[in-house]
Amino acid sequence: MDVSAKRLDVALGDKLLSFPNPEGLPDLIAALPSGAVVGLEATGVYGRPLAFALHRAGFRVYVLNPFAVKSYARSLLLRSKTDRADARLIARYLADRYPDLRPYEPTPEVIYQAGLLVRFARGLVVQRVAVLNRLHAWQYAWPQGLEVVAHVPRILDDLRGNLEALVVDLLRSDPEAWRQFRALQTLPGIGPSSALTILAYSGDLRRFTSARAYAAFTGLAPVVHQSGALPEVGRISRAGPAPLRATFWLASLHAVKVEPYASLYARLLQAGKPPQVARVAVAHRLARAAWAVVVRSV
């Protein structure tokens, strides 16, 4: 299934069907044969109602990484890019790969709602930076006008703070979500704001089968490139949400000063690794530790 804001394109065997999103969900579910295996790309708020409804109706659902599907299309040398072509591509990818994929499990409602609020609050940070840039320009173009809008950054700061406080209250209302939120803050460099970001972009960490799987999701896991006589070159995959990687990176700046991360950082520096590479390794270790403190401390 290819998901967009207004339409759901479905490749069902040799047929191509189309339904309005989300009004057409009941008709779509009725059109699917019993026991169908369904794949759709991760598309945030547009795809979640579909995945949830299909899961509740008893279908096995796979929410696919768009980057993986795009790479699969490149491997097939496909050039067409339409919603219907994408639906066929997703069906083909799923038929080839679904035995190795993990079925979709809905994110707990409280963690999902908290994630939406945190992402909204993060958008306010971006808007605040844009406002500050405009105010800086105004001091040359219209200095007197600064008095009219100078308070806008403060309003955005207050709104962001209010939203984060609301998220904390929301998490406190659910014992499991609250436990995960507090467990993350036992790690060095992870405070309340960082813990909120991790939950917002990770969802329920228990859905990952291992610390290694979670680290791969963050994009901090190393990927080795080697061909023929060329030397091995390692770099992180960058496959996961950028705000999640940034949070672990910022936490690593503090973690390198405490054990056991300080020893890892020192050992990598002694081995000749650049400081930035060593900090990325610490961020990767922190991501694995985040999974461990949430999942293994149950």
Protein backbone atom coordinates (compact mmCIF):
# COMPACT_ATOMS: atom_id res chain seq x y z
CA MET A 1 0.00 0.00 0.00
CA ASP A 2 1.24 3.49 -0.89
CA VAL A 3 0.02 6.06 1.64
CA SER A 4 -0.48 9.76 1.00
CA ALA A 5 -2.44 12.45 2.80
CA LYS A 6 -5.58 11.97 0.71
CA ARG A 7 -5.29 8.55 -0.94
CA LEU A 8 -4.38 4.92 -0.32
CA ASP A 9 -3.16 3.05 -3.41
CA VAL A 10 -3.26 -0.72 -3.02
CA ALA A 11 -1.52 -3.37 -5.12
CA LEU A 12 -3.60 -6.51 -4.52
CA GLY A 13 -2.37 -9.31 -6.74
CA ASP A 14 -2.82 -8.11 -10.32
CA LYS A 15 -5.31 -5.44 -9.27
CA LEU A 16 -4.65 -1.82 -8.37
CA LEU A 17 -7.21 -0.25 -6.06
CA SER A 18 -7.52 3.26 -4.64
CA PHE A 19 -9.32 4.48 -1.51
CA PRO A 20 -9.65 7.91 0.12
CA ASN A 21 -7.55 8.34 3.26
CA PRO A 22 -8.82 7.93 5.96
CA GLU A 23 -12.51 7.70 4.96
CA GLY A 24 -11.92 4.64 2.81
CA LEU A 25 -10.39 2.46 5.54
CA PRO A 26 -13.53 0.33 6.10
CA ASP A 27 -13.89 -0.38 2.36
CA LEU A 28 -10.18 -1.15 2.06
CA ILE A 29 -10.27 -3.64 4.93
CA ALA A 30 -13.36 -5.31 3.43
CA ALA A 31 -11.57 -5.68 0.08
CA LEU A 32 -8.61 -7.57 1.54
CA PRO A 33 -8.69 -11.39 1.54
CA SER A 34 -8.47 -13.15 4.89
CA GLY A 35 -4.87 -13.72 5.97
CA ALA A 36 -3.42 -11.05 3.69
CA VAL A 37 0.07 -9.79 4.50
CA VAL A 38 0.20 -6.01 4.18
CA GLY A 39 3.16 -3.66 3.76
CA LEU A 40 3.26 0.12 3.84
CA GLU A 41 6.04 2.65 4.23
CA ALA A 42 6.48 4.59 7.47
CA THR A 43 4.74 7.89 6.72
CA GLY A 44 4.04 9.30 10.17
CA VAL A 45 0.53 10.50 10.92
CA TYR A 46 -0.86 9.53 7.50
CA GLY A 47 -0.03 5.84 7.75
CA ARG A 48 -0.59 5.22 11.46
CA PRO A 49 -4.43 5.00 11.36
CA LEU A 50 -4.12 2.54 8.47
CA ALA A 51 -1.54 0.34 10.19
CA PHE A 52 -3.49 0.38 13.43
CA ALA A 53 -6.81 -0.47 11.73
CA LEU A 54 -5.25 -3.32 9.73
CA HIS A 55 -3.56 -4.72 12.84
CA ARG A 56 -6.81 -4.57 14.80
CA ALA A 57 -8.62 -6.32 11.91
CA GLY A 58 -6.26 -9.28 12.26
CA PHE A 59 -3.90 -8.75 9.32
CA ARG A 60 -0.16 -9.17 9.58
CA VAL A 61 1.20 -5.67 8.92
CA TYR A 62 4.73 -4.52 8.11
CA VAL A 63 5.64 -0.83 8.39
CA LEU A 64 8.65 -0.52 6.10
CA ASN A 65 11.65 1.77 6.14
CA PRO A 66 11.28 4.12 3.11
CA PHE A 67 15.06 4.13 2.64
CA ALA A 68 15.09 0.32 2.38
CA VAL A 69 12.27 0.35 -0.19
CA LYS A 70 14.00 3.07 -2.20
CA SER A 71 17.26 1.11 -2.20
CA TYR A 72 15.35 -1.97 -3.34
CA ALA A 73 13.90 0.03 -6.25
CA ARG A 74 17.39 1.11 -7.27
CA SER A 75 18.57 -2.49 -7.23
CA LEU A 76 15.80 -3.29 -9.74
CA LEU A 77 16.77 -0.30 -11.93
CA LEU A 78 13.22 1.03 -11.75
CA ARG A 79 12.63 4.51 -13.11
CA SER A 80 8.87 5.04 -12.81
CA LYS A 81 7.75 7.05 -9.76
CA THR A 82 3.98 7.19 -9.29
CA ASP A 83 1.77 6.28 -6.35
CA ARG A 84 0.51 3.16 -8.14
CA ALA A 85 4.00 2.14 -9.18
CA ASP A 86 5.10 2.62 -5.57
CA ALA A 87 2.29 0.33 -4.38
CA ARG A 88 3.47 -2.41 -6.74
CA LEU A 89 7.07 -1.87 -5.63
CA ILE A 90 6.12 -2.19 -1.94
CA ALA A 91 4.20 -5.41 -2.68
CA ARG A 92 7.22 -6.83 -4.51
CA TYR A 93 9.60 -5.81 -1.73
CA LEU A 94 7.34 -7.34 0.88
CA ALA A 95 7.01 -10.61 -1.04
CA ASP A 96 10.81 -10.89 -1.19
CA ARG A 97 11.66 -9.76 2.32
CA TYR A 98 8.79 -10.26 4.76
CA PRO A 99 10.16 -13.48 6.36
CA ASP A 100 13.11 -11.40 7.64
CA LEU A 101 11.07 -8.39 8.75
CA ARG A 102 9.48 -7.68 12.11
CA PRO A 103 5.66 -7.32 12.07
CA TYR A 104 4.12 -4.06 13.16
CA GLU A 105 3.04 -3.65 16.78
CA PRO A 106 1.15 -0.47 17.73
CA THR A 107 3.02 2.01 19.89
CA PRO A 108 1.34 2.43 23.31
CA GLU A 109 -1.08 5.33 23.09
CA VAL A 110 0.56 7.48 25.77
CA ILE A 111 4.03 7.18 24.21
CA TYR A 112 2.59 7.94 20.77
CA GLN A 113 0.75 11.03 22.03
CA ALA A 114 3.87 12.19 23.88
CA GLY A 115 5.85 11.78 20.67
CA LEU A 116 3.45 14.01 18.74
CA LEU A 117 3.70 16.75 21.37
CA VAL A 118 7.50 16.55 21.56
CA ARG A 119 7.83 16.78 17.78
CA PHE A 120 5.53 19.80 17.80
CA ALA A 121 7.63 21.42 20.53
CA ARG A 122 10.75 20.72 18.47
CA GLY A 123 9.16 22.59 15.58
CA LEU A 124 8.82 25.61 17.84
CA VAL A 125 12.59 25.59 18.34
CA VAL A 126 13.08 25.81 14.57
CA GLN A 127 10.57 28.66 14.38
CA ARG A 128 12.32 30.48 17.21
CA VAL A 129 15.63 30.38 15.33
CA ALA A 130 13.90 31.74 12.22
CA VAL A 131 12.34 34.56 14.26
CA LEU A 132 15.69 35.48 15.81
CA ASN A 133 17.27 35.65 12.35
CA ARG A 134 14.52 37.99 11.19
CA LEU A 135 14.87 40.19 14.26
CA HIS A 136 18.59 40.44 13.60
CA ALA A 137 17.84 41.71 10.09
CA TRP A 138 15.21 44.12 11.37
CA GLN A 139 17.71 46.02 13.48
CA TYR A 140 19.18 47.28 10.20
CA ALA A 141 16.00 47.52 8.12
CA TRP A 142 13.57 48.89 10.74
CA PRO A 143 15.07 49.33 14.23
CA GLN A 144 11.88 50.85 15.63
CA GLY A 145 9.89 47.79 14.61
CA LEU A 146 11.80 45.55 17.00
CA GLU A 147 9.62 46.75 19.89
CA VAL A 148 6.56 45.28 18.17
CA VAL A 149 7.84 41.70 17.78
CA ALA A 150 10.77 41.41 20.21
CA HIS A 151 8.65 39.37 22.62
CA VAL A 152 7.89 36.59 20.08
CA PRO A 153 10.95 34.41 20.92
CA ARG A 154 10.00 34.52 24.60
CA ILE A 155 6.45 33.41 23.75
CA LEU A 156 7.80 30.48 21.74
CA ASP A 157 10.11 29.54 24.63
CA ASP A 158 7.20 29.61 27.08
CA LEU A 159 5.00 27.57 24.77
CA ARG A 160 7.69 24.96 24.32
CA GLY A 161 8.20 24.74 28.09
CA ASN A 162 4.46 24.36 28.64
CA LEU A 163 4.27 21.59 26.06
CA GLU A 164 7.16 19.66 27.62
CA ALA A 165 5.52 19.98 31.06
CA LEU A 166 2.30 18.64 29.55
CA VAL A 167 4.21 15.69 28.07
CA VAL A 168 5.78 14.88 31.44
CA ASP A 169 2.32 14.89 33.07
CA LEU A 170 1.05 12.64 30.28
CA LEU A 171 3.87 10.14 30.81
CA ARG A 172 3.32 10.23 34.57
CA SER A 173 -0.26 9.05 34.00
CA ASP A 174 1.00 5.73 32.55
CA PRO A 175 3.22 3.54 34.80
CA GLU A 176 5.14 1.89 31.94
CA ALA A 177 5.76 5.12 30.01
CA TRP A 178 6.85 6.84 33.23
CA ARG A 179 9.22 3.97 34.03
CA GLN A 180 10.86 4.25 30.61
CA PHE A 181 11.15 8.02 30.92
CA ARG A 182 12.88 7.77 34.31
CA ALA A 183 15.10 4.84 33.29
CA LEU A 184 16.54 6.83 30.38
CA GLN A 185 17.58 9.62 32.77
CA THR A 186 19.88 7.24 34.65
CA LEU A 187 22.30 7.50 31.72
CA PRO A 188 24.98 10.22 31.71
CA GLY A 189 24.07 13.25 29.64
CA ILE A 190 20.38 12.28 29.43
CA GLY A 191 18.10 14.73 31.21
CA PRO A 192 14.31 15.16 31.01
CA SER A 193 14.36 16.95 27.65
CA SER A 194 16.69 14.37 26.09
CA ALA A 195 14.61 11.50 27.49
CA LEU A 196 11.50 13.02 25.94
CA THR A 197 13.22 13.25 22.56
CA ILE A 198 14.39 9.63 22.75
CA LEU A 199 10.87 8.40 23.51
CA ALA A 200 9.35 10.65 20.85
CA TYR A 201 11.55 9.34 18.05
CA SER A 202 11.98 5.75 19.28
CA GLY A 203 8.52 4.85 20.49
CA ASP A 204 8.35 1.89 22.85
CA LEU A 205 11.96 0.62 23.05
CA ARG A 206 10.67 -2.83 23.98
CA ARG A 207 9.72 -3.39 20.33
CA PHE A 208 13.40 -3.81 19.45
CA THR A 209 14.74 -7.34 19.92
CA SER A 210 18.21 -6.27 21.05
CA ALA A 211 20.46 -3.32 21.85
CA ARG A 212 22.13 -3.91 18.50
CA ALA A 213 18.81 -3.64 16.66
CA TYR A 214 17.98 -0.39 18.44
CA ALA A 215 21.42 1.08 17.70
CA ALA A 216 20.87 0.23 14.03
CA PHE A 217 17.52 2.05 14.15
CA THR A 218 19.19 5.20 15.49
CA GLY A 219 21.62 5.25 12.55
CA LEU A 220 24.60 5.25 14.92
CA ALA A 221 25.60 1.67 14.09
CA PRO A 222 28.80 1.46 12.00
CA VAL A 223 28.66 0.25 8.41
CA VAL A 224 31.86 -1.10 6.81
CA HIS A 225 32.63 -0.43 3.13
CA GLN A 226 35.35 -2.55 1.56
CA SER A 227 35.98 -3.63 -2.02
CA GLY A 228 38.92 -5.49 -3.56
CA ALA A 229 42.24 -4.02 -2.50
CA LEU A 230 40.66 -0.86 -1.14
CA PRO A 231 40.95 -0.56 2.65
CA GLU A 232 37.92 -0.95 4.88
CA VAL A 233 36.16 2.34 5.63
CA GLY A 234 33.66 2.48 8.49
CA ARG A 235 31.00 5.10 8.99
CA ILE A 236 27.62 5.26 10.67
CA SER A 237 24.58 4.43 8.57
CA ARG A 238 22.59 7.62 9.41
CA ALA A 239 19.47 5.58 8.65
CA GLY A 240 17.41 6.65 11.67
CA PRO A 241 15.80 9.91 12.82
CA ALA A 242 18.34 12.75 12.85
CA PRO A 243 17.01 14.29 16.12
CA LEU A 244 17.54 10.94 17.84
CA ARG A 245 21.18 10.76 16.71
CA ALA A 246 21.71 14.38 17.74
CA THR A 247 20.38 13.65 21.23
CA PHE A 248 22.78 10.76 21.80
CA TRP A 249 25.63 12.83 20.31
CA LEU A 250 24.99 15.70 22.73
CA ALA A 251 24.77 13.23 25.62
CA SER A 252 28.14 11.78 24.59
CA LEU A 253 29.79 15.15 25.24
CA HIS A 254 29.08 14.60 28.94
CA ALA A 255 29.41 10.80 28.92
CA VAL A 256 33.06 10.94 27.80
CA LYS A 257 33.87 12.35 31.25
CA VAL A 258 32.41 9.44 33.25
CA GLU A 259 32.92 5.68 33.32
CA PRO A 260 32.59 3.38 31.51
CA TYR A 261 32.40 5.76 28.58
CA ALA A 262 35.52 7.71 29.55
CA SER A 263 37.63 4.56 29.20
CA LEU A 264 36.14 3.79 25.78
CA TYR A 265 36.77 7.35 24.61
CA ALA A 266 40.38 7.33 25.89
CA ARG A 267 41.08 3.94 24.33
CA LEU A 268 39.86 5.09 20.92
CA LEU A 269 41.94 8.27 21.10
CA GLN A 270 45.02 6.25 21.99
CA ALA A 271 44.32 4.03 18.98
CA GLY A 272 44.56 7.12 16.76
CA LYS A 273 40.87 7.77 16.20
CA PRO A 274 39.83 11.43 15.73
CA PRO A 275 37.90 12.89 18.69
CA GLN A 276 34.69 13.16 16.65
CA VAL A 277 34.84 9.49 15.67
CA ALA A 278 35.48 8.52 19.29
CA ARG A 279 32.45 10.57 20.44
CA VAL A 280 30.26 8.88 17.83
CA ALA A 281 31.35 5.52 19.26
CA VAL A 282 30.35 6.74 22.73
CA ALA A 283 26.98 7.92 21.34
CA HIS A 284 26.51 4.46 19.84
CA ARG A 285 27.30 2.85 23.19
CA LEU A 286 24.81 5.19 24.88
CA ALA A 287 22.09 4.15 22.43
CA ARG A 288 22.68 0.50 23.29
CA ALA A 289 22.65 1.37 26.99
CA ALA A 290 19.34 3.22 26.53
CA TRP A 291 17.74 0.03 25.22
CA ALA A 292 19.25 -1.98 28.08
CA VAL A 293 18.05 0.29 30.91
CA VAL A 294 14.52 0.34 29.48
CA VAL A 295 14.13 -3.32 28.49
CA ARG A 296 16.28 -5.21 30.96
CA SER A 297 15.22 -3.24 34.01
CA VAL A 298 11.62 -4.42 33.71
